[in-house]
Structure formats: structure tokens, C-alpha cells
């Protein structure tokens, strides 16, 4: 919570003095692909100094969520995000994997599949003391997060699976929570267990520019005033960033095996 308040205070003071132009690099779904993340982070000109993220142009990283599960280095990814939170620099919208890991950390009976099993295995390799530290720290991390980020005086929204126009402005509620975590689900499932989702972005007519992920696509998908930046790094695609306000894309190739069946056919 302290880190979130620091960030809000920084944005408010800078805006009041008229010296702040919001410049973000919004990362797509990471899923434990820490090596690809550090490569892209450096490529964009970032470095870490004394636990703080530094960029020569004053830019900040932001995230559409699902930093863990499936990939090889979820714990390293979490440690990095904890640093940003402690420095008051965290801009992060939680995804469905974030929520499931939170419930696991609370001790709830959740199924260890669809990627959670890889994060649990990483945690199991830690000492008992470090594992308990990560558990408590993650709970604090997750509980500080809003369901989605509304930034730049409402002109920009970062939501893990997107958000419908009629839900914008709401802060709580089951309909909002389900949509931003899972997308516009139909209740049906694909053969591999993933839910069937409607293509909500095709119908979006709102003014805020929405940056989201959740559904892997081979290339960042711009449609109406939205962009899906999950280019399936953990499935062998690439890790992409949407630079804001420029609305340009920078990517690095994945180091994971390519799984073409995991990518959406939306066009």
C-alpha cells in the first residue's frame, strides 16, 4: 500500500506542477520469462540503481499482469516487482494467474495446473524461511493492487484481459473482476481447458485507450482504441512492450519452445 501511495503522490505532484508527461513502457504477459524481460528492459534503456528503476527519459515500466506461472523464473520476476513496489514505482494490473497464486498463498485449495505447478515447484526449492517470506510478501503485493489501472487523466487504461466500456470507472464488483481477470468468457471451454472468450475489442467504442493481454496473439493487435500486447513469450512467441504515449511496439524473441496452438485466431 505504501508503494502505491508513493506512486499516486508522484503522479499528482508532477501533474500539478505541469512538468510531467506520462511515459510508460507497458509489458505484455511475462509468465516467468525473466531472462526475456531483463533483455527487453535493458534494450529500452532501463537500469536498476539502489532498488529503483531509472531511465534517461524518465520513463516507467508498467505491466498487464500474469508475471508468474508456466515459465522458468517466476520467483525472480516476483522479486523484481517487489523492488518496484518498495520504490513506489509499481504500475501493475493483476491477471487470473496472479489471483490464483494469491489464493494459493492464502492456503486455499486451488488446482496446481495451467502453470501454477511451475511456480509452486520454484517455491518448493527455496528454504522454508525464504518461501515464507515470499508468501507473505506476495500477499501484501497482491492486496495492494487495483483491479485495473486508469492513468493519464483517464485517457489510458491497463487491464489484464481488457474491460468493457460500461465497466470503466467501477472499482469493485463480480462482473468487473471476472472481466478484467478472464475476459468476456462464454462459459464454454476449449479442449485444453481454456475458456472460450468473445472478441470484446471488436465492439469497443470507448474513448480511453485500453492496453491488455491475457490472450496470446502472434503480433500486437490494434483494433478500435485497444491493443493486445500478449505476444505469447512463454509459448515461444516474443515479449512485447507498448510504448506510451507513442503507441509503438518493441519486442524481443522468446527463448521458450514454440507452441502454435496456444495463439488466438482473432483477426
C-alpha atoms as a PDB file:
ATOM      1  CA  UNK A   1       0.000   0.000   0.000  1.00  0.00           C
ATOM      2  CA  UNK A   2       2.822   2.445   0.821  1.00  0.00           C
ATOM      3  CA  UNK A   3       4.363   1.947  -2.617  1.00  0.00           C
ATOM      4  CA  UNK A   4       1.024   2.582  -4.333  1.00  0.00           C
ATOM      5  CA  UNK A   5       0.541   5.806  -2.373  1.00  0.00           C
ATOM      6  CA  UNK A   6       4.060   6.968  -3.282  1.00  0.00           C
ATOM      7  CA  UNK A   7       3.329   6.465  -6.976  1.00  0.00           C
ATOM      8  CA  UNK A   8      -0.007   8.298  -6.807  1.00  0.00           C
ATOM      9  CA  UNK A   9       1.605  11.170  -4.934  1.00  0.00           C
ATOM     10  CA  UNK A  10       4.393  11.422  -7.512  1.00  0.00           C
ATOM     11  CA  UNK A  11       1.948  11.488 -10.434  1.00  0.00           C
ATOM     12  CA  UNK A  12      -0.288  14.062  -8.691  1.00  0.00           C
ATOM     13  CA  UNK A  13       2.535  16.443  -7.723  1.00  0.00           C
ATOM     14  CA  UNK A  14       4.158  16.253 -11.145  1.00  0.00           C
ATOM     15  CA  UNK A  15       0.857  16.951 -12.901  1.00  0.00           C
ATOM     16  CA  UNK A  16       0.104  19.918 -10.649  1.00  0.00           C
ATOM     17  CA  UNK A  17       3.475  21.494 -11.425  1.00  0.00           C
ATOM     18  CA  UNK A  18       2.932  20.952 -15.123  1.00  0.00           C
ATOM     19  CA  UNK A  19       6.246  19.175 -15.604  1.00  0.00           C
ATOM     20  CA  UNK A  20       5.053  15.603 -16.007  1.00  0.00           C
ATOM     21  CA  UNK A  21       4.441  13.833 -19.278  1.00  0.00           C
ATOM     22  CA  UNK A  22       3.459  10.241 -18.625  1.00  0.00           C
ATOM     23  CA  UNK A  23       5.865   7.967 -20.455  1.00  0.00           C
ATOM     24  CA  UNK A  24       5.359   4.260 -19.942  1.00  0.00           C
ATOM     25  CA  UNK A  25       6.650   1.012 -21.362  1.00  0.00           C
ATOM     26  CA  UNK A  26       3.828  -1.482 -20.858  1.00  0.00           C
ATOM     27  CA  UNK A  27       4.981  -5.115 -20.813  1.00  0.00           C
ATOM     28  CA  UNK A  28       2.822  -7.972 -22.037  1.00  0.00           C
ATOM     29  CA  UNK A  29       2.267 -11.191 -20.076  1.00  0.00           C
ATOM     30  CA  UNK A  30       5.605 -12.332 -18.639  1.00  0.00           C
ATOM     31  CA  UNK A  31       4.764 -15.766 -17.185  1.00  0.00           C
ATOM     32  CA  UNK A  32       8.131 -16.286 -15.559  1.00  0.00           C
ATOM     33  CA  UNK A  33      10.153 -15.337 -18.659  1.00  0.00           C
ATOM     34  CA  UNK A  34      12.593 -13.332 -16.581  1.00  0.00           C
ATOM     35  CA  UNK A  35      15.525 -13.593 -18.998  1.00  0.00           C
ATOM     36  CA  UNK A  36      13.493 -12.176 -21.876  1.00  0.00           C
ATOM     37  CA  UNK A  37      12.232  -9.461 -19.550  1.00  0.00           C
ATOM     38  CA  UNK A  38      15.709  -8.355 -18.488  1.00  0.00           C
ATOM     39  CA  UNK A  39      16.820  -8.330 -22.144  1.00  0.00           C
ATOM     40  CA  UNK A  40      13.926  -6.097 -23.177  1.00  0.00           C
ATOM     41  CA  UNK A  41      14.230  -3.960 -20.038  1.00  0.00           C
ATOM     42  CA  UNK A  42      17.853  -3.200 -20.936  1.00  0.00           C
ATOM     43  CA  UNK A  43      17.069  -2.728 -24.621  1.00  0.00           C
ATOM     44  CA  UNK A  44      14.600   0.008 -23.667  1.00  0.00           C
ATOM     45  CA  UNK A  45      17.303   1.859 -21.706  1.00  0.00           C
ATOM     46  CA  UNK A  46      16.360   0.944 -18.136  1.00  0.00           C
ATOM     47  CA  UNK A  47      18.696   0.094 -15.284  1.00  0.00           C
ATOM     48  CA  UNK A  48      18.278  -0.511 -11.562  1.00  0.00           C
ATOM     49  CA  UNK A  49      20.060   1.740  -9.043  1.00  0.00           C
ATOM     50  CA  UNK A  50      19.721   1.107  -5.294  1.00  0.00           C
ATOM     51  CA  UNK A  51      16.450  -0.758  -5.805  1.00  0.00           C
ATOM     52  CA  UNK A  52      14.951   1.910  -8.044  1.00  0.00           C
ATOM     53  CA  UNK A  53      14.172   1.774 -11.752  1.00  0.00           C
ATOM     54  CA  UNK A  54      15.998   4.512 -13.692  1.00  0.00           C
ATOM     55  CA  UNK A  55      15.519   5.628 -17.300  1.00  0.00           C
ATOM     56  CA  UNK A  56      17.266   8.544 -19.054  1.00  0.00           C
ATOM     57  CA  UNK A  57      13.916   9.903 -20.297  1.00  0.00           C
ATOM     58  CA  UNK A  58      12.098   9.452 -17.006  1.00  0.00           C
ATOM     59  CA  UNK A  59      10.017   6.558 -18.333  1.00  0.00           C
ATOM     60  CA  UNK A  60       8.498   3.883 -16.100  1.00  0.00           C
ATOM     61  CA  UNK A  61       7.688   0.222 -16.756  1.00  0.00           C
ATOM     62  CA  UNK A  62       4.088  -0.981 -16.423  1.00  0.00           C
ATOM     63  CA  UNK A  63       2.573  -4.451 -16.620  1.00  0.00           C
ATOM     64  CA  UNK A  64      -0.652  -6.109 -17.805  1.00  0.00           C
ATOM     65  CA  UNK A  65      -0.260  -8.852 -15.190  1.00  0.00           C
ATOM     66  CA  UNK A  66       0.411 -12.601 -15.099  1.00  0.00           C
ATOM     67  CA  UNK A  67       4.086 -12.227 -14.232  1.00  0.00           C
ATOM     68  CA  UNK A  68       4.294 -15.828 -12.967  1.00  0.00           C
ATOM     69  CA  UNK A  69       3.442 -19.435 -13.925  1.00  0.00           C
ATOM     70  CA  UNK A  70       4.442 -21.619 -16.886  1.00  0.00           C
ATOM     71  CA  UNK A  71       7.876 -20.042 -17.428  1.00  0.00           C
ATOM     72  CA  UNK A  72      11.174 -20.899 -15.712  1.00  0.00           C
ATOM     73  CA  UNK A  73      11.806 -17.935 -13.374  1.00  0.00           C
ATOM     74  CA  UNK A  74       8.605 -16.785 -11.684  1.00  0.00           C
ATOM     75  CA  UNK A  75      10.260 -16.164  -8.313  1.00  0.00           C
ATOM     76  CA  UNK A  76      12.890 -13.887  -9.902  1.00  0.00           C
ATOM     77  CA  UNK A  77      10.113 -11.987 -11.638  1.00  0.00           C
ATOM     78  CA  UNK A  78       8.285 -11.519  -8.348  1.00  0.00           C
ATOM     79  CA  UNK A  79      11.409 -10.252  -6.591  1.00  0.00           C
ATOM     80  CA  UNK A  80      11.827  -7.608  -9.283  1.00  0.00           C
ATOM     81  CA  UNK A  81       8.217  -6.465  -8.919  1.00  0.00           C
ATOM     82  CA  UNK A  82       8.602  -6.290  -5.142  1.00  0.00           C
ATOM     83  CA  UNK A  83      11.517  -3.885  -5.676  1.00  0.00           C
ATOM     84  CA  UNK A  84       9.344  -1.628  -7.827  1.00  0.00           C
ATOM     85  CA  UNK A  85       6.605  -1.677  -5.235  1.00  0.00           C
ATOM     86  CA  UNK A  86       9.006  -0.807  -2.428  1.00  0.00           C
ATOM     87  CA  UNK A  87      10.329   2.089  -4.517  1.00  0.00           C
ATOM     88  CA  UNK A  88       6.813   3.404  -5.193  1.00  0.00           C
ATOM     89  CA  UNK A  89       7.176   2.680  -8.911  1.00  0.00           C
ATOM     90  CA  UNK A  90       4.795  -0.239  -9.412  1.00  0.00           C
ATOM     91  CA  UNK A  91       2.170   0.070 -12.163  1.00  0.00           C
ATOM     92  CA  UNK A  92       0.637  -3.381 -12.427  1.00  0.00           C
ATOM     93  CA  UNK A  93      -2.801  -4.772 -13.284  1.00  0.00           C
ATOM     94  CA  UNK A  94      -3.340  -8.272 -11.867  1.00  0.00           C
ATOM     95  CA  UNK A  95      -4.337 -11.184 -14.056  1.00  0.00           C
ATOM     96  CA  UNK A  96      -6.029 -14.524 -13.490  1.00  0.00           C
ATOM     97  CA  UNK A  97      -2.717 -16.242 -12.709  1.00  0.00           C
ATOM     98  CA  UNK A  98      -1.943 -13.527 -10.148  1.00  0.00           C
ATOM     99  CA  UNK A  99      -5.289 -14.151  -8.496  1.00  0.00           C
ATOM    100  CA  UNK A 100      -4.820 -17.927  -8.440  1.00  0.00           C
ATOM    101  CA  UNK A 101      -1.342 -17.597  -6.922  1.00  0.00           C
ATOM    102  CA  UNK A 102      -2.785 -15.250  -4.297  1.00  0.00           C
ATOM    103  CA  UNK A 103      -5.386 -17.836  -3.337  1.00  0.00           C
ATOM    104  CA  UNK A 104      -2.676 -20.496  -3.183  1.00  0.00           C
ATOM    105  CA  UNK A 105      -0.521 -18.287  -0.941  1.00  0.00           C
ATOM    106  CA  UNK A 106      -3.509 -17.836   1.383  1.00  0.00           C
ATOM    107  CA  UNK A 107      -3.692 -21.604   1.759  1.00  0.00           C
ATOM    108  CA  UNK A 108      -6.834 -22.115  -0.305  1.00  0.00           C
ATOM    109  CA  UNK A 109      -7.368 -25.419  -2.088  1.00  0.00           C
ATOM    110  CA  UNK A 110      -6.567 -24.475  -5.701  1.00  0.00           C
ATOM    111  CA  UNK A 111      -5.659 -26.848  -8.507  1.00  0.00           C
ATOM    112  CA  UNK A 112      -1.961 -26.832  -9.309  1.00  0.00           C
ATOM    113  CA  UNK A 113      -2.230 -26.861 -13.088  1.00  0.00           C
ATOM    114  CA  UNK A 114      -2.256 -24.473 -16.081  1.00  0.00           C
ATOM    115  CA  UNK A 115       1.129 -23.180 -14.946  1.00  0.00           C
ATOM    116  CA  UNK A 116       0.710 -22.753 -11.203  1.00  0.00           C
ATOM    117  CA  UNK A 117       2.570 -26.029 -10.683  1.00  0.00           C
ATOM    118  CA  UNK A 118       5.767 -24.480 -12.082  1.00  0.00           C
ATOM    119  CA  UNK A 119       5.664 -21.579  -9.621  1.00  0.00           C
ATOM    120  CA  UNK A 120       4.884 -23.948  -6.752  1.00  0.00           C
ATOM    121  CA  UNK A 121       7.898 -26.070  -7.750  1.00  0.00           C
ATOM    122  CA  UNK A 122      10.139 -22.989  -7.690  1.00  0.00           C
ATOM    123  CA  UNK A 123       8.851 -22.063  -4.254  1.00  0.00           C
ATOM    124  CA  UNK A 124       9.426 -25.621  -3.072  1.00  0.00           C
ATOM    125  CA  UNK A 125      13.110 -25.354  -3.983  1.00  0.00           C
ATOM    126  CA  UNK A 126      13.589 -22.427  -1.577  1.00  0.00           C
ATOM    127  CA  UNK A 127      14.453 -22.685   2.092  1.00  0.00           C
ATOM    128  CA  UNK A 128      11.487 -22.667   4.427  1.00  0.00           C
ATOM    129  CA  UNK A 129      12.359 -19.195   5.654  1.00  0.00           C
ATOM    130  CA  UNK A 130      12.640 -17.680   2.171  1.00  0.00           C
ATOM    131  CA  UNK A 131       9.496 -19.428   0.983  1.00  0.00           C
ATOM    132  CA  UNK A 132       7.517 -17.986   3.892  1.00  0.00           C
ATOM    133  CA  UNK A 133       8.972 -14.542   3.209  1.00  0.00           C
ATOM    134  CA  UNK A 134       7.894 -14.723  -0.456  1.00  0.00           C
ATOM    135  CA  UNK A 135       4.445 -15.975   0.575  1.00  0.00           C
ATOM    136  CA  UNK A 136       3.785 -13.097   2.961  1.00  0.00           C
ATOM    137  CA  UNK A 137       5.316 -10.549   0.604  1.00  0.00           C
ATOM    138  CA  UNK A 138       3.193 -11.712  -2.311  1.00  0.00           C
ATOM    139  CA  UNK A 139       0.011 -11.465  -0.276  1.00  0.00           C
ATOM    140  CA  UNK A 140       0.884  -7.853   0.564  1.00  0.00           C
ATOM    141  CA  UNK A 141       1.819  -7.220  -3.069  1.00  0.00           C
ATOM    142  CA  UNK A 142      -1.447  -8.580  -4.444  1.00  0.00           C
ATOM    143  CA  UNK A 143      -3.715  -6.927  -1.898  1.00  0.00           C
ATOM    144  CA  UNK A 144      -2.315  -3.512  -2.828  1.00  0.00           C
ATOM    145  CA  UNK A 145      -3.304  -3.820  -6.499  1.00  0.00           C
ATOM    146  CA  UNK A 146      -6.350  -2.206  -8.092  1.00  0.00           C
ATOM    147  CA  UNK A 147      -8.306  -4.413 -10.497  1.00  0.00           C
ATOM    148  CA  UNK A 148      -7.110  -2.199 -13.363  1.00  0.00           C
ATOM    149  CA  UNK A 149      -5.059   0.942 -13.832  1.00  0.00           C
ATOM    150  CA  UNK A 150      -6.614   4.185 -15.084  1.00  0.00           C
ATOM    151  CA  UNK A 151      -3.889   6.705 -15.925  1.00  0.00           C
ATOM    152  CA  UNK A 152      -3.155   9.917 -17.814  1.00  0.00           C
ATOM    153  CA  UNK A 153      -6.363  11.651 -16.675  1.00  0.00           C
ATOM    154  CA  UNK A 154      -8.443   8.679 -17.782  1.00  0.00           C
ATOM    155  CA  UNK A 155      -7.033   8.523 -21.306  1.00  0.00           C
ATOM    156  CA  UNK A 156      -5.193   5.244 -20.656  1.00  0.00           C
ATOM    157  CA  UNK A 157      -6.420   2.008 -19.070  1.00  0.00           C
ATOM    158  CA  UNK A 158      -4.261  -1.039 -18.378  1.00  0.00           C
ATOM    159  CA  UNK A 159      -6.421  -4.101 -17.671  1.00  0.00           C
ATOM    160  CA  UNK A 160      -5.172  -7.669 -17.836  1.00  0.00           C
ATOM    161  CA  UNK A 161      -7.886  -9.163 -20.048  1.00  0.00           C
ATOM    162  CA  UNK A 162      -9.425  -5.846 -21.108  1.00  0.00           C
ATOM    163  CA  UNK A 163     -12.506  -4.025 -19.916  1.00  0.00           C
ATOM    164  CA  UNK A 164     -15.906  -3.264 -21.434  1.00  0.00           C
ATOM    165  CA  UNK A 165     -16.920   0.348 -21.821  1.00  0.00           C
ATOM    166  CA  UNK A 166     -19.815   0.046 -19.349  1.00  0.00           C
ATOM    167  CA  UNK A 167     -17.439  -1.223 -16.643  1.00  0.00           C
ATOM    168  CA  UNK A 168     -14.956   1.641 -16.888  1.00  0.00           C
ATOM    169  CA  UNK A 169     -14.928   3.678 -13.693  1.00  0.00           C
ATOM    170  CA  UNK A 170     -16.093   0.872 -11.440  1.00  0.00           C
ATOM    171  CA  UNK A 171     -13.671  -0.224  -8.730  1.00  0.00           C
ATOM    172  CA  UNK A 172     -15.312  -3.404  -7.435  1.00  0.00           C
ATOM    173  CA  UNK A 173     -17.956  -5.971  -8.308  1.00  0.00           C
ATOM    174  CA  UNK A 174     -18.029  -9.560  -9.562  1.00  0.00           C
ATOM    175  CA  UNK A 175     -18.745  -8.607 -13.187  1.00  0.00           C
ATOM    176  CA  UNK A 176     -15.782  -6.239 -13.283  1.00  0.00           C
ATOM    177  CA  UNK A 177     -13.480  -8.697 -11.517  1.00  0.00           C
ATOM    178  CA  UNK A 178     -14.390 -11.563 -13.850  1.00  0.00           C
ATOM    179  CA  UNK A 179     -13.956  -9.444 -16.978  1.00  0.00           C
ATOM    180  CA  UNK A 180     -10.578  -7.896 -16.150  1.00  0.00           C
ATOM    181  CA  UNK A 181      -9.149 -11.234 -14.964  1.00  0.00           C
ATOM    182  CA  UNK A 182     -10.604 -13.615 -17.572  1.00  0.00           C
ATOM    183  CA  UNK A 183     -12.042 -11.537 -20.415  1.00  0.00           C
ATOM    184  CA  UNK A 184     -15.510 -11.833 -21.948  1.00  0.00           C
ATOM    185  CA  UNK A 185     -15.926 -15.551 -21.255  1.00  0.00           C
ATOM    186  CA  UNK A 186     -18.865 -17.568 -22.609  1.00  0.00           C
ATOM    187  CA  UNK A 187     -18.861 -20.365 -20.021  1.00  0.00           C
ATOM    188  CA  UNK A 188     -17.591 -22.892 -22.593  1.00  0.00           C
ATOM    189  CA  UNK A 189     -14.091 -24.374 -22.620  1.00  0.00           C
ATOM    190  CA  UNK A 190     -11.564 -25.336 -25.276  1.00  0.00           C
ATOM    191  CA  UNK A 191     -10.161 -28.913 -25.426  1.00  0.00           C
ATOM    192  CA  UNK A 192      -7.107 -27.853 -23.383  1.00  0.00           C
ATOM    193  CA  UNK A 193      -9.317 -26.419 -20.633  1.00  0.00           C
ATOM    194  CA  UNK A 194      -9.003 -22.733 -21.502  1.00  0.00           C
ATOM    195  CA  UNK A 195     -12.282 -20.765 -21.528  1.00  0.00           C
ATOM    196  CA  UNK A 196     -13.867 -19.623 -24.783  1.00  0.00           C
ATOM    197  CA  UNK A 197     -13.847 -15.811 -24.967  1.00  0.00           C
ATOM    198  CA  UNK A 198     -15.789 -13.324 -27.039  1.00  0.00           C
ATOM    199  CA  UNK A 199     -13.826 -10.752 -29.038  1.00  0.00           C
ATOM    200  CA  UNK A 200     -14.874  -7.762 -26.909  1.00  0.00           C
ATOM    201  CA  UNK A 201     -12.323  -5.404 -28.529  1.00  0.00           C
ATOM    202  CA  UNK A 202     -14.182  -5.535 -31.863  1.00  0.00           C
ATOM    203  CA  UNK A 203     -17.208  -3.979 -30.151  1.00  0.00           C
ATOM    204  CA  UNK A 204     -15.348  -1.408 -28.057  1.00  0.00           C
ATOM    205  CA  UNK A 205     -16.330   2.194 -28.817  1.00  0.00           C
ATOM    206  CA  UNK A 206     -14.993   3.966 -25.727  1.00  0.00           C
ATOM    207  CA  UNK A 207     -12.561   6.883 -25.637  1.00  0.00           C
ATOM    208  CA  UNK A 208      -9.897   5.569 -23.210  1.00  0.00           C
ATOM    209  CA  UNK A 209      -7.083   3.678 -24.910  1.00  0.00           C
ATOM    210  CA  UNK A 210      -7.032   0.161 -23.434  1.00  0.00           C
ATOM    211  CA  UNK A 211      -3.855  -1.894 -23.197  1.00  0.00           C
ATOM    212  CA  UNK A 212      -4.384  -5.542 -22.284  1.00  0.00           C
ATOM    213  CA  UNK A 213      -3.005  -9.056 -22.705  1.00  0.00           C
ATOM    214  CA  UNK A 214      -4.215 -12.469 -21.499  1.00  0.00           C
ATOM    215  CA  UNK A 215      -4.944 -13.945 -24.955  1.00  0.00           C
ATOM    216  CA  UNK A 216      -1.720 -14.702 -26.877  1.00  0.00           C
ATOM    217  CA  UNK A 217      -1.510 -13.271 -30.399  1.00  0.00           C
ATOM    218  CA  UNK A 218       1.367 -13.555 -32.857  1.00  0.00           C
ATOM    219  CA  UNK A 219       1.587  -9.764 -33.287  1.00  0.00           C
ATOM    220  CA  UNK A 220       0.320  -6.926 -31.102  1.00  0.00           C
ATOM    221  CA  UNK A 221      -3.293  -6.450 -32.135  1.00  0.00           C
ATOM    222  CA  UNK A 222      -4.549  -2.881 -32.549  1.00  0.00           C
ATOM    223  CA  UNK A 223      -8.305  -2.601 -33.004  1.00  0.00           C
ATOM    224  CA  UNK A 224     -10.569   0.356 -32.211  1.00  0.00           C
ATOM    225  CA  UNK A 225      -8.958   2.125 -29.238  1.00  0.00           C
ATOM    226  CA  UNK A 226      -7.359  -1.047 -27.820  1.00  0.00           C
ATOM    227  CA  UNK A 227      -4.209  -3.119 -28.166  1.00  0.00           C
ATOM    228  CA  UNK A 228      -3.475  -6.679 -27.069  1.00  0.00           C
ATOM    229  CA  UNK A 229       0.251  -6.872 -26.250  1.00  0.00           C
ATOM    230  CA  UNK A 230       0.463 -10.518 -25.135  1.00  0.00           C
ATOM    231  CA  UNK A 231       2.603 -11.949 -27.930  1.00  0.00           C
ATOM    232  CA  UNK A 232       2.987 -15.303 -26.201  1.00  0.00           C
ATOM    233  CA  UNK A 233       6.532 -15.176 -24.875  1.00  0.00           C
ATOM    234  CA  UNK A 234       6.064 -18.251 -22.686  1.00  0.00           C
ATOM    235  CA  UNK A 235       4.703 -20.140 -25.715  1.00  0.00           C
ATOM    236  CA  UNK A 236       7.704 -19.353 -27.910  1.00  0.00           C
ATOM    237  CA  UNK A 237       6.469 -16.119 -29.486  1.00  0.00           C
ATOM    238  CA  UNK A 238       8.065 -12.920 -28.252  1.00  0.00           C
ATOM    239  CA  UNK A 239       7.883 -10.484 -25.354  1.00  0.00           C
ATOM    240  CA  UNK A 240       6.452  -7.135 -26.390  1.00  0.00           C
ATOM    241  CA  UNK A 241       6.173  -3.664 -24.905  1.00  0.00           C
ATOM    242  CA  UNK A 242       3.730  -0.931 -25.884  1.00  0.00           C
ATOM    243  CA  UNK A 243       5.427   2.461 -25.534  1.00  0.00           C
ATOM    244  CA  UNK A 244       3.007   5.133 -24.355  1.00  0.00           C
ATOM    245  CA  UNK A 245       2.114   7.771 -25.459  1.00  0.00           C
ATOM    246  CA  UNK A 246       3.930   6.903 -28.700  1.00  0.00           C
ATOM    247  CA  UNK A 247       1.868   3.696 -29.191  1.00  0.00           C
ATOM    248  CA  UNK A 248       4.837   1.950 -30.768  1.00  0.00           C
ATOM    249  CA  UNK A 249       5.921  -1.631 -30.075  1.00  0.00           C
ATOM    250  CA  UNK A 250       9.332  -3.026 -29.110  1.00  0.00           C
ATOM    251  CA  UNK A 251       9.885  -6.793 -28.819  1.00  0.00           C
ATOM    252  CA  UNK A 252      12.493  -9.452 -28.142  1.00  0.00           C
ATOM    253  CA  UNK A 253      12.225 -13.112 -29.243  1.00  0.00           C
ATOM    254  CA  UNK A 254      11.244 -15.800 -26.770  1.00  0.00           C
ATOM    255  CA  UNK A 255      13.718 -18.401 -25.530  1.00  0.00           C
ATOM    256  CA  UNK A 256      10.916 -20.923 -24.910  1.00  0.00           C
ATOM    257  CA  UNK A 257       9.719 -23.754 -27.223  1.00  0.00           C
ATOM    258  CA  UNK A 258       7.186 -22.625 -29.830  1.00  0.00           C
ATOM    259  CA  UNK A 259       3.603 -23.842 -29.258  1.00  0.00           C
ATOM    260  CA  UNK A 260       1.494 -22.537 -32.173  1.00  0.00           C
ATOM    261  CA  UNK A 261      -1.755 -23.996 -30.831  1.00  0.00           C
ATOM    262  CA  UNK A 262      -1.655 -21.538 -27.910  1.00  0.00           C
ATOM    263  CA  UNK A 263      -2.128 -18.444 -30.072  1.00  0.00           C
ATOM    264  CA  UNK A 264      -5.512 -16.829 -30.742  1.00  0.00           C
ATOM    265  CA  UNK A 265      -7.039 -16.752 -34.206  1.00  0.00           C
ATOM    266  CA  UNK A 266      -8.660 -13.333 -33.684  1.00  0.00           C
ATOM    267  CA  UNK A 267      -8.039 -11.111 -36.684  1.00  0.00           C
END
